[in-house]
Amino acid sequence: MIPKPQPSEYPAYYEKYINNISDSTNVLDLLHTQRQEVVQLFARVSESESNFAYEPGKWSIKELLGHMNDTERIMAYRALCFARGEQQPLPGFDENDYVVHANFSERTLTDLVEEHMTVRAATISLFKSLSTAALGRLGNANGNPMTVAALAFIIAGHERHHLNILKERYLAKI
């Protein structure tokens, strides 16, 4: 089991995601169960509804899922780098720029869900392969120190955050 990180193991910005996960949660089990939740929630959205945004200037449903995929890839890459002892600081990223350049609206929702399943399988495989020592390693991303274990919780908490937004702000309006 991956221990829940202490506040000293991640930037304060990520606290909202980490606090989405209870202290007793096995984060690897949660990463598994979230796969089914993604499939079930996005199955409620038709292809014609998938370009819906709950208000002007907000991401569409496809863009939301694409953002989740991109962010998970980036966080898992950070975890891999830190677990392997990378000492160079890793760059940050602007999620809004990533969404603008991704052209998610040109893809099907089914394709984005399948991509999510693939990305999540790789994430789970990565974290399952890591030793206790690797999980405790510290790296630097976007000028902030964080541990590998914290990144597992950030990934799960970030997804929970966006799935709650999907339920509350998107699915309630389509």
C-alpha atoms as a PDB file:
ATOM      1  CA  MET A   1       0.000   0.000   0.000  1.00  0.00           C
ATOM      2  CA  ILE A   2       1.235   3.481  -0.861  1.00  0.00           C
ATOM      3  CA  PRO A   3       1.167   5.693   2.245  1.00  0.00           C
ATOM      4  CA  LYS A   4      -0.782   8.933   2.098  1.00  0.00           C
ATOM      5  CA  PRO A   5       1.742  11.761   1.726  1.00  0.00           C
ATOM      6  CA  GLN A   6       2.383  14.383   4.348  1.00  0.00           C
ATOM      7  CA  PRO A   7       1.958  18.073   3.401  1.00  0.00           C
ATOM      8  CA  SER A   8       5.743  18.422   3.204  1.00  0.00           C
ATOM      9  CA  GLU A   9       5.745  15.955   0.275  1.00  0.00           C
ATOM     10  CA  TYR A  10       3.850  18.112  -2.207  1.00  0.00           C
ATOM     11  CA  PRO A  11       3.100  21.754  -3.081  1.00  0.00           C
ATOM     12  CA  ALA A  12       0.132  23.283  -1.249  1.00  0.00           C
ATOM     13  CA  TYR A  13      -1.668  23.670  -4.605  1.00  0.00           C
ATOM     14  CA  TYR A  14      -2.228  19.888  -4.740  1.00  0.00           C
ATOM     15  CA  GLU A  15      -3.728  19.651  -1.268  1.00  0.00           C
ATOM     16  CA  LYS A  16      -7.251  19.923  -2.709  1.00  0.00           C
ATOM     17  CA  TYR A  17      -6.640  16.748  -4.720  1.00  0.00           C
ATOM     18  CA  ILE A  18      -4.881  14.805  -1.985  1.00  0.00           C
ATOM     19  CA  ASN A  19      -7.617  15.733   0.493  1.00  0.00           C
ATOM     20  CA  ASN A  20     -10.116  14.121  -1.912  1.00  0.00           C
ATOM     21  CA  ILE A  21      -8.648  10.777  -0.802  1.00  0.00           C
ATOM     22  CA  SER A  22      -9.318   9.498   2.721  1.00  0.00           C
ATOM     23  CA  ASP A  23      -6.432   8.433   4.931  1.00  0.00           C
ATOM     24  CA  SER A  24      -7.549   4.791   4.881  1.00  0.00           C
ATOM     25  CA  THR A  25      -7.887   4.521   1.084  1.00  0.00           C
ATOM     26  CA  ASN A  26      -5.600   2.164  -0.774  1.00  0.00           C
ATOM     27  CA  VAL A  27      -4.731   4.479  -3.656  1.00  0.00           C
ATOM     28  CA  LEU A  28      -3.885   1.588  -6.020  1.00  0.00           C
ATOM     29  CA  ASP A  29      -7.345   0.101  -5.442  1.00  0.00           C
ATOM     30  CA  LEU A  30      -8.871   3.521  -6.057  1.00  0.00           C
ATOM     31  CA  LEU A  31      -6.963   3.909  -9.324  1.00  0.00           C
ATOM     32  CA  HIS A  32      -8.476   0.565 -10.401  1.00  0.00           C
ATOM     33  CA  THR A  33     -12.044   1.419  -9.410  1.00  0.00           C
ATOM     34  CA  GLN A  34     -11.892   4.835 -11.017  1.00  0.00           C
ATOM     35  CA  ARG A  35     -11.511   3.088 -14.388  1.00  0.00           C
ATOM     36  CA  GLN A  36     -15.015   1.642 -14.064  1.00  0.00           C
ATOM     37  CA  GLU A  37     -16.388   4.953 -12.833  1.00  0.00           C
ATOM     38  CA  VAL A  38     -15.007   6.746 -15.906  1.00  0.00           C
ATOM     39  CA  VAL A  39     -16.575   4.187 -18.236  1.00  0.00           C
ATOM     40  CA  GLN A  40     -19.942   4.386 -16.457  1.00  0.00           C
ATOM     41  CA  LEU A  41     -20.090   8.174 -16.283  1.00  0.00           C
ATOM     42  CA  PHE A  42     -18.980   8.869 -19.831  1.00  0.00           C
ATOM     43  CA  ALA A  43     -21.348   6.165 -21.134  1.00  0.00           C
ATOM     44  CA  ARG A  44     -24.149   8.500 -20.032  1.00  0.00           C
ATOM     45  CA  VAL A  45     -22.961  11.066 -22.594  1.00  0.00           C
ATOM     46  CA  SER A  46     -23.885  10.744 -26.268  1.00  0.00           C
ATOM     47  CA  GLU A  47     -21.427  11.734 -28.957  1.00  0.00           C
ATOM     48  CA  SER A  48     -23.599  14.771 -29.779  1.00  0.00           C
ATOM     49  CA  GLU A  49     -23.568  15.826 -26.108  1.00  0.00           C
ATOM     50  CA  SER A  50     -19.812  15.346 -25.722  1.00  0.00           C
ATOM     51  CA  ASN A  51     -18.986  18.820 -27.041  1.00  0.00           C
ATOM     52  CA  PHE A  52     -21.243  20.416 -24.406  1.00  0.00           C
ATOM     53  CA  ALA A  53     -19.714  22.997 -22.057  1.00  0.00           C
ATOM     54  CA  TYR A  54     -21.783  24.012 -19.028  1.00  0.00           C
ATOM     55  CA  GLU A  55     -21.055  27.703 -19.651  1.00  0.00           C
ATOM     56  CA  PRO A  56     -19.172  29.829 -22.185  1.00  0.00           C
ATOM     57  CA  GLY A  57     -15.415  29.656 -21.795  1.00  0.00           C
ATOM     58  CA  LYS A  58     -15.479  26.301 -19.979  1.00  0.00           C
ATOM     59  CA  TRP A  59     -14.133  23.073 -21.421  1.00  0.00           C
ATOM     60  CA  SER A  60     -16.417  20.672 -23.221  1.00  0.00           C
ATOM     61  CA  ILE A  61     -16.939  17.161 -21.880  1.00  0.00           C
ATOM     62  CA  LYS A  62     -14.381  15.855 -24.383  1.00  0.00           C
ATOM     63  CA  GLU A  63     -11.910  18.537 -23.350  1.00  0.00           C
ATOM     64  CA  LEU A  64     -12.427  17.679 -19.689  1.00  0.00           C
ATOM     65  CA  LEU A  65     -11.603  14.024 -20.344  1.00  0.00           C
ATOM     66  CA  GLY A  66      -8.697  14.941 -22.600  1.00  0.00           C
ATOM     67  CA  HIS A  67      -7.338  17.171 -19.827  1.00  0.00           C
ATOM     68  CA  MET A  68      -7.635  14.280 -17.370  1.00  0.00           C
ATOM     69  CA  ASN A  69      -5.658  12.075 -19.775  1.00  0.00           C
ATOM     70  CA  ASP A  70      -2.952  14.673 -20.362  1.00  0.00           C
ATOM     71  CA  THR A  71      -2.557  15.462 -16.673  1.00  0.00           C
ATOM     72  CA  GLU A  72      -2.317  11.813 -15.703  1.00  0.00           C
ATOM     73  CA  ARG A  73       0.382  11.233 -18.318  1.00  0.00           C
ATOM     74  CA  ILE A  74       2.377  14.200 -17.045  1.00  0.00           C
ATOM     75  CA  MET A  75       2.039  13.238 -13.382  1.00  0.00           C
ATOM     76  CA  ALA A  76       2.974   9.613 -14.118  1.00  0.00           C
ATOM     77  CA  TYR A  77       6.003  10.812 -16.100  1.00  0.00           C
ATOM     78  CA  ARG A  78       7.032  12.916 -13.127  1.00  0.00           C
ATOM     79  CA  ALA A  79       6.627   9.868 -10.869  1.00  0.00           C
ATOM     80  CA  LEU A  80       8.796   7.772 -13.196  1.00  0.00           C
ATOM     81  CA  CYS A  81      11.509  10.432 -13.332  1.00  0.00           C
ATOM     82  CA  PHE A  82      11.589  10.941  -9.581  1.00  0.00           C
ATOM     83  CA  ALA A  83      11.456   7.196  -8.863  1.00  0.00           C
ATOM     84  CA  ARG A  84      14.493   6.727 -11.085  1.00  0.00           C
ATOM     85  CA  GLY A  85      16.395   9.435  -9.226  1.00  0.00           C
ATOM     86  CA  GLU A  86      16.124  12.312 -11.693  1.00  0.00           C
ATOM     87  CA  GLN A  87      17.767  15.378 -10.181  1.00  0.00           C
ATOM     88  CA  GLN A  88      16.941  17.884 -12.920  1.00  0.00           C
ATOM     89  CA  PRO A  89      13.847  20.012 -12.301  1.00  0.00           C
ATOM     90  CA  LEU A  90      10.937  19.123 -14.584  1.00  0.00           C
ATOM     91  CA  PRO A  91       8.887  21.855 -16.265  1.00  0.00           C
ATOM     92  CA  GLY A  92       5.358  22.811 -15.416  1.00  0.00           C
ATOM     93  CA  PHE A  93       2.562  22.880 -17.966  1.00  0.00           C
ATOM     94  CA  ASP A  94      -0.371  25.126 -18.763  1.00  0.00           C
ATOM     95  CA  GLU A  95      -3.442  22.900 -18.940  1.00  0.00           C
ATOM     96  CA  ASN A  96      -5.402  25.504 -20.893  1.00  0.00           C
ATOM     97  CA  ASP A  97      -2.735  25.679 -23.616  1.00  0.00           C
ATOM     98  CA  TYR A  98      -2.647  21.891 -23.782  1.00  0.00           C
ATOM     99  CA  VAL A  99      -6.415  21.742 -24.297  1.00  0.00           C
ATOM    100  CA  VAL A 100      -6.319  24.454 -26.986  1.00  0.00           C
ATOM    101  CA  HIS A 101      -3.716  22.545 -28.997  1.00  0.00           C
ATOM    102  CA  ALA A 102      -5.167  19.050 -28.499  1.00  0.00           C
ATOM    103  CA  ASN A 103      -8.166  19.226 -30.860  1.00  0.00           C
ATOM    104  CA  PHE A 104     -10.211  16.971 -28.581  1.00  0.00           C
ATOM    105  CA  SER A 105     -13.395  18.022 -30.373  1.00  0.00           C
ATOM    106  CA  GLU A 106     -12.155  16.217 -33.494  1.00  0.00           C
ATOM    107  CA  ARG A 107     -11.960  12.886 -31.660  1.00  0.00           C
ATOM    108  CA  THR A 108     -14.792  10.653 -30.550  1.00  0.00           C
ATOM    109  CA  LEU A 109     -15.709  10.375 -26.921  1.00  0.00           C
ATOM    110  CA  THR A 110     -15.272   6.602 -27.200  1.00  0.00           C
ATOM    111  CA  ASP A 111     -11.690   7.109 -28.363  1.00  0.00           C
ATOM    112  CA  LEU A 112     -10.945   9.428 -25.433  1.00  0.00           C
ATOM    113  CA  VAL A 113     -12.410   6.936 -22.944  1.00  0.00           C
ATOM    114  CA  GLU A 114     -10.313   4.138 -24.479  1.00  0.00           C
ATOM    115  CA  GLU A 115      -7.244   6.360 -24.224  1.00  0.00           C
ATOM    116  CA  HIS A 116      -8.033   6.954 -20.573  1.00  0.00           C
ATOM    117  CA  MET A 117      -8.189   3.206 -19.937  1.00  0.00           C
ATOM    118  CA  THR A 118      -4.790   2.759 -21.585  1.00  0.00           C
ATOM    119  CA  VAL A 119      -3.195   5.647 -19.708  1.00  0.00           C
ATOM    120  CA  ARG A 120      -4.650   4.431 -16.397  1.00  0.00           C
ATOM    121  CA  ALA A 121      -3.439   0.867 -16.979  1.00  0.00           C
ATOM    122  CA  ALA A 122       0.074   2.215 -17.536  1.00  0.00           C
ATOM    123  CA  THR A 123      -0.171   4.394 -14.425  1.00  0.00           C
ATOM    124  CA  ILE A 124      -1.265   1.458 -12.266  1.00  0.00           C
ATOM    125  CA  SER A 125       1.495  -0.716 -13.675  1.00  0.00           C
ATOM    126  CA  LEU A 126       4.075   1.956 -12.902  1.00  0.00           C
ATOM    127  CA  PHE A 127       3.020   2.479  -9.293  1.00  0.00           C
ATOM    128  CA  LYS A 128       2.692  -1.274  -8.657  1.00  0.00           C
ATOM    129  CA  SER A 129       6.294  -1.729  -9.803  1.00  0.00           C
ATOM    130  CA  LEU A 130       7.811   0.799  -7.411  1.00  0.00           C
ATOM    131  CA  SER A 131       9.638  -0.056  -4.208  1.00  0.00           C
ATOM    132  CA  THR A 132       9.023   1.702  -0.921  1.00  0.00           C
ATOM    133  CA  ALA A 133      12.294   3.571  -1.427  1.00  0.00           C
ATOM    134  CA  ALA A 134      11.233   4.744  -4.892  1.00  0.00           C
ATOM    135  CA  LEU A 135       7.842   5.922  -3.592  1.00  0.00           C
ATOM    136  CA  GLY A 136       9.615   8.115  -1.055  1.00  0.00           C
ATOM    137  CA  ARG A 137      11.985   9.746  -3.530  1.00  0.00           C
ATOM    138  CA  LEU A 138      11.694  13.480  -3.930  1.00  0.00           C
ATOM    139  CA  GLY A 139      11.877  15.363  -7.203  1.00  0.00           C
ATOM    140  CA  ASN A 140      11.168  18.856  -8.430  1.00  0.00           C
ATOM    141  CA  ALA A 141       8.501  19.853 -10.930  1.00  0.00           C
ATOM    142  CA  ASN A 142       7.510  23.386 -11.824  1.00  0.00           C
ATOM    143  CA  GLY A 143       9.845  24.655  -9.114  1.00  0.00           C
ATOM    144  CA  ASN A 144       8.208  22.562  -6.371  1.00  0.00           C
ATOM    145  CA  PRO A 145       9.418  19.477  -4.522  1.00  0.00           C
ATOM    146  CA  MET A 146       7.146  16.421  -4.393  1.00  0.00           C
ATOM    147  CA  THR A 147       7.457  12.712  -3.716  1.00  0.00           C
ATOM    148  CA  VAL A 148       6.541   9.836  -5.980  1.00  0.00           C
ATOM    149  CA  ALA A 149       3.876   8.696  -3.488  1.00  0.00           C
ATOM    150  CA  ALA A 150       2.312  12.158  -3.540  1.00  0.00           C
ATOM    151  CA  LEU A 151       1.971  11.901  -7.310  1.00  0.00           C
ATOM    152  CA  ALA A 152      -0.119   8.712  -6.991  1.00  0.00           C
ATOM    153  CA  PHE A 153      -2.536  10.564  -4.707  1.00  0.00           C
ATOM    154  CA  ILE A 154      -2.519  13.655  -6.918  1.00  0.00           C
ATOM    155  CA  ILE A 155      -3.504  11.527  -9.931  1.00  0.00           C
ATOM    156  CA  ALA A 156      -6.377   9.845  -8.078  1.00  0.00           C
ATOM    157  CA  GLY A 157      -7.517  13.066  -6.392  1.00  0.00           C
ATOM    158  CA  HIS A 158      -7.344  15.053  -9.619  1.00  0.00           C
ATOM    159  CA  GLU A 159      -9.549  12.486 -11.328  1.00  0.00           C
ATOM    160  CA  ARG A 160     -12.024  12.463  -8.432  1.00  0.00           C
ATOM    161  CA  HIS A 161     -12.150  16.286  -8.601  1.00  0.00           C
ATOM    162  CA  HIS A 162     -12.967  16.308 -12.311  1.00  0.00           C
ATOM    163  CA  LEU A 163     -15.446  13.438 -12.112  1.00  0.00           C
ATOM    164  CA  ASN A 164     -17.318  15.405  -9.447  1.00  0.00           C
ATOM    165  CA  ILE A 165     -17.362  18.412 -11.775  1.00  0.00           C
ATOM    166  CA  LEU A 166     -18.616  16.174 -14.587  1.00  0.00           C
ATOM    167  CA  LYS A 167     -21.507  14.957 -12.389  1.00  0.00           C
ATOM    168  CA  GLU A 168     -22.399  18.344 -10.912  1.00  0.00           C
ATOM    169  CA  ARG A 169     -21.908  20.746 -13.801  1.00  0.00           C
ATOM    170  CA  TYR A 170     -22.192  18.693 -16.985  1.00  0.00           C
ATOM    171  CA  LEU A 171     -24.359  15.611 -16.483  1.00  0.00           C
ATOM    172  CA  ALA A 172     -26.905  17.604 -14.490  1.00  0.00           C
ATOM    173  CA  LYS A 173     -27.409  19.883 -17.533  1.00  0.00           C
ATOM    174  CA  ILE A 174     -27.492  17.473 -20.475  1.00  0.00           C
END
